[in-house]
Amino acid sequence: MKDYTLNYEDSKKFILNYAIEGNKIIIHYASGGKQTIPYTKENEQLILAIMENQARGAWVGDTFAKIKERVEKFKYNTIGDAFLTLILLFLICTSTFSTLWINVLLNACLVFKIVEFTINLSCLIGNKRILKDIEKNKLYLTNKEQIEESDFTKNENLLLGIDKSTKKMIQEQPKDININTMDKVKYKELKQILENIKREREFGFDYSQVEETEDVKLERNLNQ
């Protein structure tokens, strides 16, 4: 999960993700802090509930709108910086000024504008990614039941069009698909998975013969 907070105080209790290491859960906060707690199923479920509430709060409240405002601000700032940078480059390249201090001033302004452009562009990209992450988690939570009811280990068609790394992660840990592991799934991949689920439900194909064949193969291998 990306950092949806709008101030540092909130970031100190905003959970980005967690990792299970042995009998411990390591929680990572948006502020950069970490917290280690004992691993229990109850503790993990509590963390997931908090993270889901964070995601819901981002689109139900005014967070999404405020981040969208940031995107617009950084977009206009980036365009403005790019325009002024081009003007300064033009003046420097075509300058007929012989005064040293004017040339130094123009070059200093150019360096400043390039730095400002880089910062604004970085902020623009970062905030766009946050918006996309909020949209992805909204899509996941509104379709959570469909995903949990799907058997990704027996029906590979549910993962058609998905990157190999994501496919492997889902097939190896089908019961661990949650708001935390959504970090490893791209927005377009989640959309594709949901489209696959919808198609399979509409067509209602019978996969029992495939399952029986696999069982027969397993039994044959064990007998060899």
Protein backbone atom coordinates (compact mmCIF):
# COMPACT_ATOMS: atom_id res chain seq x y z
CA MET A 1 0.00 0.00 0.00
CA LYS A 2 1.23 3.50 -0.81
CA ASP A 3 1.26 6.34 1.71
CA TYR A 4 -2.17 8.01 1.60
CA THR A 5 -1.54 10.35 4.52
CA LEU A 6 -1.55 14.12 4.20
CA ASN A 7 0.67 14.93 7.20
CA TYR A 8 3.53 13.40 9.17
CA GLU A 9 1.54 12.72 12.34
CA ASP A 10 -0.89 10.47 10.47
CA SER A 11 1.98 8.71 8.70
CA LYS A 12 3.30 7.43 12.05
CA LYS A 13 0.29 5.10 12.39
CA PHE A 14 -0.45 4.43 8.72
CA ILE A 15 0.47 0.82 7.87
CA LEU A 16 2.09 0.40 4.46
CA ASN A 17 2.62 -3.35 4.69
CA TYR A 18 3.77 -6.14 6.98
CA ALA A 19 6.01 -9.19 6.74
CA ILE A 20 5.84 -12.45 8.66
CA GLU A 21 9.23 -13.68 9.84
CA GLY A 22 9.12 -16.81 11.95
CA ASN A 23 6.85 -16.19 14.92
CA LYS A 24 6.86 -12.40 14.45
CA ILE A 25 5.01 -9.84 12.36
CA ILE A 26 7.02 -6.79 11.28
CA ILE A 27 4.80 -3.80 10.53
CA HIS A 28 6.09 -1.02 8.27
CA TYR A 29 4.64 2.47 8.76
CA ALA A 30 4.49 5.34 6.26
CA SER A 31 6.74 7.44 8.50
CA GLY A 32 9.54 4.91 8.02
CA GLY A 33 9.10 3.34 11.44
CA LYS A 34 8.77 -0.37 12.18
CA GLN A 35 7.00 -2.36 14.87
CA THR A 36 7.41 -6.04 15.73
CA ILE A 37 4.57 -7.99 17.32
CA PRO A 38 4.04 -11.72 18.00
CA TYR A 39 2.56 -13.66 15.09
CA THR A 40 -0.94 -14.90 15.73
CA LYS A 41 -3.79 -15.30 13.26
CA GLU A 42 -5.75 -12.77 15.31
CA ASN A 43 -2.96 -10.17 15.10
CA GLU A 44 -2.67 -10.64 11.34
CA GLN A 45 -6.42 -10.30 10.85
CA LEU A 46 -6.40 -7.12 12.95
CA ILE A 47 -3.64 -5.61 10.80
CA LEU A 48 -5.51 -6.53 7.60
CA ALA A 49 -8.68 -4.93 8.96
CA ILE A 50 -6.76 -1.72 9.74
CA MET A 51 -5.24 -1.67 6.25
CA GLU A 52 -8.64 -2.24 4.63
CA ASN A 53 -10.10 0.64 6.65
CA GLN A 54 -7.19 2.84 5.51
CA ALA A 55 -7.97 2.01 1.89
CA ARG A 56 -11.71 2.59 2.28
CA GLY A 57 -11.10 5.85 4.11
CA ALA A 58 -8.96 7.12 1.23
CA TRP A 59 -11.82 7.07 -1.28
CA VAL A 60 -14.75 7.58 1.09
CA GLY A 61 -13.21 10.67 2.71
CA ASP A 62 -11.52 13.64 1.09
CA THR A 63 -8.06 12.08 0.76
CA PHE A 64 -8.53 11.06 -2.87
CA ALA A 65 -9.74 14.56 -3.81
CA LYS A 66 -6.84 16.24 -2.02
CA ILE A 67 -4.25 14.02 -3.65
CA LYS A 68 -5.92 14.71 -7.00
CA GLU A 69 -5.49 18.43 -6.27
CA ARG A 70 -1.80 17.78 -5.62
CA VAL A 71 -1.51 16.05 -9.00
CA GLU A 72 -3.05 19.06 -10.76
CA LYS A 73 -0.76 21.46 -8.90
CA PHE A 74 2.40 19.50 -9.70
CA LYS A 75 1.28 19.07 -13.31
CA TYR A 76 0.94 22.82 -13.83
CA ASN A 77 4.18 23.47 -11.95
CA THR A 78 6.01 20.95 -14.14
CA ILE A 79 4.66 22.50 -17.34
CA GLY A 80 5.57 25.98 -16.11
CA ASP A 81 9.09 24.90 -15.13
CA ALA A 82 9.61 23.20 -18.50
CA PHE A 83 8.48 26.35 -20.34
CA LEU A 84 10.75 28.66 -18.31
CA THR A 85 13.68 26.24 -18.69
CA LEU A 86 13.32 26.38 -22.47
CA ILE A 87 13.22 30.18 -22.40
CA LEU A 88 16.38 30.33 -20.27
CA LEU A 89 18.14 27.88 -22.59
CA PHE A 90 17.16 30.00 -25.56
CA LEU A 91 18.45 33.18 -23.89
CA ILE A 92 21.75 31.55 -22.93
CA CYS A 93 22.32 30.04 -26.39
CA THR A 94 21.42 33.22 -28.26
CA SER A 95 22.59 35.71 -25.66
CA THR A 96 24.53 38.73 -26.86
CA PHE A 97 25.09 39.93 -23.31
CA SER A 98 28.72 40.66 -22.66
CA THR A 99 28.27 41.36 -18.99
CA LEU A 100 29.58 38.45 -16.94
CA TRP A 101 27.15 38.79 -14.06
CA ILE A 102 24.15 38.60 -16.42
CA ASN A 103 25.43 35.33 -17.91
CA VAL A 104 26.11 33.95 -14.44
CA LEU A 105 22.60 34.94 -13.34
CA LEU A 106 21.00 33.27 -16.38
CA ASN A 107 22.94 30.05 -15.79
CA ALA A 108 22.06 30.07 -12.08
CA CYS A 109 18.37 30.53 -12.92
CA LEU A 110 18.60 27.66 -15.43
CA VAL A 111 20.10 25.30 -12.83
CA PHE A 112 17.44 26.33 -10.30
CA LYS A 113 14.62 25.71 -12.80
CA ILE A 114 16.01 22.31 -13.80
CA VAL A 115 16.13 21.26 -10.14
CA GLU A 116 12.62 22.61 -9.56
CA PHE A 117 11.35 20.83 -12.68
CA THR A 118 12.88 17.53 -11.48
CA ILE A 119 11.30 17.85 -8.03
CA ASN A 120 7.85 18.73 -9.39
CA LEU A 121 7.98 15.92 -11.95
CA SER A 122 8.96 13.43 -9.25
CA CYS A 123 6.08 14.62 -7.02
CA LEU A 124 3.67 14.43 -9.96
CA ILE A 125 4.62 10.83 -10.74
CA GLY A 126 4.54 9.85 -7.05
CA ASN A 127 1.07 11.27 -6.44
CA LYS A 128 -0.28 9.72 -9.63
CA ARG A 129 0.93 6.35 -8.36
CA ILE A 130 -0.86 6.95 -5.05
CA LEU A 131 -4.13 7.66 -6.90
CA LYS A 132 -3.69 4.49 -8.94
CA ASP A 133 -3.00 2.51 -5.77
CA ILE A 134 -6.16 3.82 -4.12
CA GLU A 135 -8.16 2.84 -7.22
CA LYS A 136 -6.55 -0.63 -7.23
CA ASN A 137 -7.36 -1.27 -3.57
CA LYS A 138 -10.91 -0.02 -4.09
CA LEU A 139 -11.28 -2.47 -6.98
CA TYR A 140 -9.88 -5.28 -4.84
CA LEU A 141 -12.12 -4.60 -1.82
CA THR A 142 -15.30 -4.26 -3.89
CA ASN A 143 -14.53 -7.65 -5.50
CA LYS A 144 -12.90 -9.35 -2.51
CA GLU A 145 -15.47 -12.14 -2.18
CA GLN A 146 -15.18 -13.15 -5.86
CA ILE A 147 -11.39 -13.39 -5.55
CA GLU A 148 -11.54 -15.41 -2.31
CA GLU A 149 -14.08 -17.83 -3.82
CA SER A 150 -11.92 -18.48 -6.92
CA ASP A 151 -9.64 -21.52 -7.05
CA PHE A 152 -6.49 -20.28 -8.78
CA THR A 153 -4.63 -23.57 -8.23
CA LYS A 154 -7.06 -25.72 -10.24
CA ASN A 155 -8.17 -23.25 -12.92
CA GLU A 156 -5.24 -21.59 -14.65
CA ASN A 157 -7.62 -19.72 -16.97
CA LEU A 158 -8.30 -17.37 -14.06
CA LEU A 159 -4.74 -16.12 -14.43
CA LEU A 160 -4.60 -15.67 -18.22
CA GLY A 161 -2.72 -12.54 -19.25
CA ILE A 162 -0.95 -12.21 -15.88
CA ASP A 163 2.83 -11.76 -15.46
CA LYS A 164 4.72 -14.93 -14.51
CA SER A 165 5.91 -13.57 -11.15
CA THR A 166 2.38 -12.54 -10.10
CA LYS A 167 0.94 -15.81 -11.35
CA LYS A 168 3.49 -17.79 -9.35
CA MET A 169 2.81 -15.78 -6.18
CA ILE A 170 -0.96 -16.30 -6.42
CA GLN A 171 -0.74 -20.02 -7.22
CA GLU A 172 1.75 -20.72 -4.42
CA GLN A 173 -0.19 -18.74 -1.81
CA PRO A 174 -3.84 -18.66 -2.99
CA LYS A 175 -5.16 -18.26 0.56
CA ASP A 176 -2.84 -15.33 1.24
CA ILE A 177 -4.33 -12.95 -1.33
CA ASN A 178 -5.24 -9.90 0.72
CA ILE A 179 -4.80 -6.12 0.98
CA ASN A 180 -1.16 -6.66 1.97
CA THR A 181 -0.18 -8.91 -0.95
CA MET A 182 -2.03 -6.57 -3.36
CA ASP A 183 1.22 -4.58 -3.32
CA LYS A 184 2.68 -7.27 -5.61
CA VAL A 185 -0.24 -7.14 -8.05
CA LYS A 186 -0.45 -4.40 -10.68
CA TYR A 187 -3.71 -2.53 -11.25
CA LYS A 188 -4.00 -3.85 -14.82
CA GLU A 189 -3.35 -7.40 -13.57
CA LEU A 190 -6.12 -7.15 -10.98
CA LYS A 191 -8.51 -5.91 -13.67
CA GLN A 192 -7.50 -8.84 -15.89
CA ILE A 193 -8.03 -11.36 -13.08
CA LEU A 194 -11.52 -9.98 -12.42
CA GLU A 195 -12.34 -10.14 -16.13
CA ASN A 196 -11.16 -13.77 -16.16
CA ILE A 197 -13.32 -14.58 -13.12
CA LYS A 198 -16.35 -12.93 -14.72
CA ARG A 199 -15.88 -14.88 -17.97
CA GLU A 200 -15.45 -18.22 -16.19
CA ARG A 201 -18.57 -17.60 -14.11
CA GLU A 202 -20.62 -16.66 -17.17
CA PHE A 203 -19.51 -19.67 -19.21
CA GLY A 204 -19.58 -22.15 -16.32
CA PHE A 205 -17.07 -24.58 -17.81
CA ASP A 206 -16.68 -27.97 -16.09
CA TYR A 207 -13.12 -28.57 -14.84
CA SER A 208 -13.85 -31.78 -12.92
CA GLN A 209 -12.31 -33.96 -15.68
CA VAL A 210 -9.09 -31.94 -15.49
CA GLU A 211 -8.97 -32.44 -11.73
CA GLU A 212 -9.60 -36.19 -12.15
CA THR A 213 -6.84 -36.45 -14.76
CA GLU A 214 -4.40 -34.73 -12.45
CA ASP A 215 -5.33 -37.12 -9.65
CA VAL A 216 -4.77 -40.09 -11.96
CA LYS A 217 -1.34 -38.73 -12.96
CA LEU A 218 -0.39 -38.26 -9.31
CA GLU A 219 -1.49 -41.80 -8.44
CA ARG A 220 0.47 -43.19 -11.40
CA ASN A 221 3.61 -41.34 -10.34
CA LEU A 222 3.30 -42.63 -6.78
CA ASN A 223 2.94 -46.21 -8.00
CA GLN A 224 6.04 -46.00 -10.18
